[in-house]
Amino acid sequence: MREVHRSDEVKVISESEHESSSDFEEDERPKFFSQEEMNDLVRDLNLPKDPAEFLGSRFKNKNVLLPGVSFSWFRHREKEFVPYFAQEDLLVYCVDVEGLMGQFKIPYDSSH
């Protein structure tokens, strides 16, 4: 309930009479993160491994993850890309640009 003051009169408006409350019903229940949402959040925030794991750990402690959601895979997320690179001393370079682009489903034309 809320009160509306007009000069010297006070009128109480119930929630059912209040237009905006009937127009927009908000679900007040907690919403848990799915695996896809967790992955998207880490990607959107551009988090490196350690902060991503920290965030996942905090979410797990606060019980805001759906059952089965994993965040430990962030520790090894680069493994699928390692075969596309080589290292000589301090220099790291891509040895298979076409294969790497294929991982991201990006068409690659080697003639450019």
C-alpha atoms as a PDB file:
ATOM      1  CA  MET A   1       0.000   0.000   0.000  1.00  0.00           C
ATOM      2  CA  ARG A   2       1.118   3.557  -0.562  1.00  0.00           C
ATOM      3  CA  GLU A   3      -0.274   6.905   0.366  1.00  0.00           C
ATOM      4  CA  VAL A   4      -0.999   9.696  -2.079  1.00  0.00           C
ATOM      5  CA  HIS A   5      -1.053  13.189  -0.575  1.00  0.00           C
ATOM      6  CA  ARG A   6      -3.173  15.896  -2.154  1.00  0.00           C
ATOM      7  CA  SER A   7      -3.279  19.130  -0.261  1.00  0.00           C
ATOM      8  CA  ASP A   8      -4.878  18.112   3.029  1.00  0.00           C
ATOM      9  CA  GLU A   9      -6.362  14.742   2.088  1.00  0.00           C
ATOM     10  CA  VAL A  10      -4.688  11.351   2.275  1.00  0.00           C
ATOM     11  CA  LYS A  11      -5.793   8.496   0.051  1.00  0.00           C
ATOM     12  CA  VAL A  12      -4.530   4.939   0.362  1.00  0.00           C
ATOM     13  CA  ILE A  13      -4.165   3.039  -2.893  1.00  0.00           C
ATOM     14  CA  SER A  14      -3.989  -0.740  -2.691  1.00  0.00           C
ATOM     15  CA  GLU A  15      -1.577  -2.626  -4.939  1.00  0.00           C
ATOM     16  CA  SER A  16      -4.482  -4.080  -6.924  1.00  0.00           C
ATOM     17  CA  GLU A  17      -5.667  -0.564  -7.774  1.00  0.00           C
ATOM     18  CA  HIS A  18      -2.204   0.641  -8.706  1.00  0.00           C
ATOM     19  CA  GLU A  19      -1.886   0.429 -12.528  1.00  0.00           C
ATOM     20  CA  SER A  20       1.835  -0.221 -12.798  1.00  0.00           C
ATOM     21  CA  SER A  21       1.767  -3.192 -10.442  1.00  0.00           C
ATOM     22  CA  SER A  22      -0.823  -4.983 -12.555  1.00  0.00           C
ATOM     23  CA  ASP A  23       0.894  -4.083 -15.841  1.00  0.00           C
ATOM     24  CA  PHE A  24       4.300  -5.487 -14.896  1.00  0.00           C
ATOM     25  CA  GLU A  25       4.404  -8.561 -12.732  1.00  0.00           C
ATOM     26  CA  GLU A  26       7.958  -9.202 -11.571  1.00  0.00           C
ATOM     27  CA  ASP A  27       9.060 -12.641 -10.556  1.00  0.00           C
ATOM     28  CA  GLU A  28      10.760 -12.156  -7.194  1.00  0.00           C
ATOM     29  CA  ARG A  29      12.098 -15.719  -6.983  1.00  0.00           C
ATOM     30  CA  PRO A  30      15.873 -16.220  -7.220  1.00  0.00           C
ATOM     31  CA  LYS A  31      17.159 -16.991 -10.694  1.00  0.00           C
ATOM     32  CA  PHE A  32      20.000 -19.481 -10.890  1.00  0.00           C
ATOM     33  CA  PHE A  33      22.813 -19.412 -13.467  1.00  0.00           C
ATOM     34  CA  SER A  34      22.857 -22.204 -16.050  1.00  0.00           C
ATOM     35  CA  GLN A  35      26.132 -23.449 -17.555  1.00  0.00           C
ATOM     36  CA  GLU A  36      25.502 -21.400 -20.684  1.00  0.00           C
ATOM     37  CA  GLU A  37      24.794 -18.235 -18.681  1.00  0.00           C
ATOM     38  CA  MET A  38      27.913 -18.769 -16.572  1.00  0.00           C
ATOM     39  CA  ASN A  39      30.035 -19.248 -19.710  1.00  0.00           C
ATOM     40  CA  ASP A  40      28.511 -16.138 -21.318  1.00  0.00           C
ATOM     41  CA  LEU A  41      29.129 -14.052 -18.200  1.00  0.00           C
ATOM     42  CA  VAL A  42      32.792 -15.068 -18.024  1.00  0.00           C
ATOM     43  CA  ARG A  43      33.202 -14.337 -21.740  1.00  0.00           C
ATOM     44  CA  ASP A  44      31.310 -11.011 -21.595  1.00  0.00           C
ATOM     45  CA  LEU A  45      33.423  -9.861 -18.646  1.00  0.00           C
ATOM     46  CA  ASN A  46      36.556 -11.072 -20.467  1.00  0.00           C
ATOM     47  CA  LEU A  47      37.734 -12.802 -17.300  1.00  0.00           C
ATOM     48  CA  PRO A  48      41.035 -14.687 -17.225  1.00  0.00           C
ATOM     49  CA  LYS A  49      41.169 -18.138 -15.578  1.00  0.00           C
ATOM     50  CA  ASP A  50      41.783 -17.165 -11.950  1.00  0.00           C
ATOM     51  CA  PRO A  51      39.061 -14.490 -11.674  1.00  0.00           C
ATOM     52  CA  ALA A  52      36.618 -16.771 -13.557  1.00  0.00           C
ATOM     53  CA  GLU A  53      37.253 -19.559 -11.048  1.00  0.00           C
ATOM     54  CA  PHE A  54      36.929 -17.123  -8.162  1.00  0.00           C
ATOM     55  CA  LEU A  55      33.586 -15.875  -9.503  1.00  0.00           C
ATOM     56  CA  GLY A  56      32.357 -19.440  -9.985  1.00  0.00           C
ATOM     57  CA  SER A  57      33.422 -20.353  -6.462  1.00  0.00           C
ATOM     58  CA  ARG A  58      31.581 -17.362  -4.998  1.00  0.00           C
ATOM     59  CA  PHE A  59      28.457 -18.175  -7.015  1.00  0.00           C
ATOM     60  CA  LYS A  60      28.600 -21.765  -5.797  1.00  0.00           C
ATOM     61  CA  ASN A  61      28.973 -20.643  -2.169  1.00  0.00           C
ATOM     62  CA  LYS A  62      25.963 -18.331  -2.554  1.00  0.00           C
ATOM     63  CA  ASN A  63      23.930 -21.153  -4.142  1.00  0.00           C
ATOM     64  CA  VAL A  64      23.119 -19.235  -7.314  1.00  0.00           C
ATOM     65  CA  LEU A  65      24.243 -21.955  -9.750  1.00  0.00           C
ATOM     66  CA  LEU A  66      21.937 -24.626 -11.112  1.00  0.00           C
ATOM     67  CA  PRO A  67      22.903 -28.179 -10.152  1.00  0.00           C
ATOM     68  CA  GLY A  68      25.664 -29.511 -12.376  1.00  0.00           C
ATOM     69  CA  VAL A  69      27.069 -26.115 -13.381  1.00  0.00           C
ATOM     70  CA  SER A  70      30.845 -26.354 -13.530  1.00  0.00           C
ATOM     71  CA  PHE A  71      33.357 -23.566 -13.483  1.00  0.00           C
ATOM     72  CA  SER A  72      36.564 -25.566 -13.064  1.00  0.00           C
ATOM     73  CA  TRP A  73      36.827 -26.124 -16.837  1.00  0.00           C
ATOM     74  CA  PHE A  74      38.110 -22.537 -17.088  1.00  0.00           C
ATOM     75  CA  ARG A  75      41.449 -23.876 -15.777  1.00  0.00           C
ATOM     76  CA  HIS A  76      42.030 -25.723 -19.042  1.00  0.00           C
ATOM     77  CA  ARG A  77      40.035 -23.761 -21.592  1.00  0.00           C
ATOM     78  CA  GLU A  78      43.129 -22.930 -23.661  1.00  0.00           C
ATOM     79  CA  LYS A  79      44.041 -26.605 -24.274  1.00  0.00           C
ATOM     80  CA  GLU A  80      41.956 -26.890 -27.420  1.00  0.00           C
ATOM     81  CA  PHE A  81      43.937 -24.022 -28.997  1.00  0.00           C
ATOM     82  CA  VAL A  82      47.470 -25.095 -28.021  1.00  0.00           C
ATOM     83  CA  PRO A  83      47.973 -27.296 -31.115  1.00  0.00           C
ATOM     84  CA  TYR A  84      47.590 -24.228 -33.339  1.00  0.00           C
ATOM     85  CA  PHE A  85      50.598 -22.454 -31.790  1.00  0.00           C
ATOM     86  CA  ALA A  86      54.327 -22.947 -31.396  1.00  0.00           C
ATOM     87  CA  GLN A  87      56.879 -21.273 -29.175  1.00  0.00           C
ATOM     88  CA  GLU A  88      60.547 -20.504 -29.724  1.00  0.00           C
ATOM     89  CA  ASP A  89      62.145 -18.849 -26.723  1.00  0.00           C
ATOM     90  CA  LEU A  90      59.889 -15.856 -25.946  1.00  0.00           C
ATOM     91  CA  LEU A  91      58.179 -15.845 -29.351  1.00  0.00           C
ATOM     92  CA  VAL A  92      54.759 -17.512 -29.674  1.00  0.00           C
ATOM     93  CA  TYR A  93      53.183 -17.777 -33.116  1.00  0.00           C
ATOM     94  CA  CYS A  94      50.276 -19.468 -34.888  1.00  0.00           C
ATOM     95  CA  VAL A  95      51.288 -22.453 -37.020  1.00  0.00           C
ATOM     96  CA  ASP A  96      47.797 -23.295 -38.346  1.00  0.00           C
ATOM     97  CA  VAL A  97      45.749 -20.145 -38.982  1.00  0.00           C
ATOM     98  CA  GLU A  98      43.175 -22.004 -41.077  1.00  0.00           C
ATOM     99  CA  GLY A  99      42.595 -24.583 -38.334  1.00  0.00           C
ATOM    100  CA  LEU A 100      42.361 -21.900 -35.654  1.00  0.00           C
ATOM    101  CA  MET A 101      39.807 -19.930 -37.663  1.00  0.00           C
ATOM    102  CA  GLY A 102      37.863 -23.166 -38.166  1.00  0.00           C
ATOM    103  CA  GLN A 103      37.645 -23.570 -34.371  1.00  0.00           C
ATOM    104  CA  PHE A 104      35.819 -20.237 -34.272  1.00  0.00           C
ATOM    105  CA  LYS A 105      33.743 -21.097 -37.367  1.00  0.00           C
ATOM    106  CA  ILE A 106      35.253 -18.140 -39.230  1.00  0.00           C
ATOM    107  CA  PRO A 107      35.828 -18.623 -42.964  1.00  0.00           C
ATOM    108  CA  TYR A 108      39.506 -18.234 -43.850  1.00  0.00           C
ATOM    109  CA  ASP A 109      40.984 -17.511 -47.259  1.00  0.00           C
ATOM    110  CA  SER A 110      44.737 -18.187 -47.219  1.00  0.00           C
ATOM    111  CA  SER A 111      45.249 -16.191 -50.445  1.00  0.00           C
ATOM    112  CA  HIS A 112      44.916 -12.904 -48.552  1.00  0.00           C
END
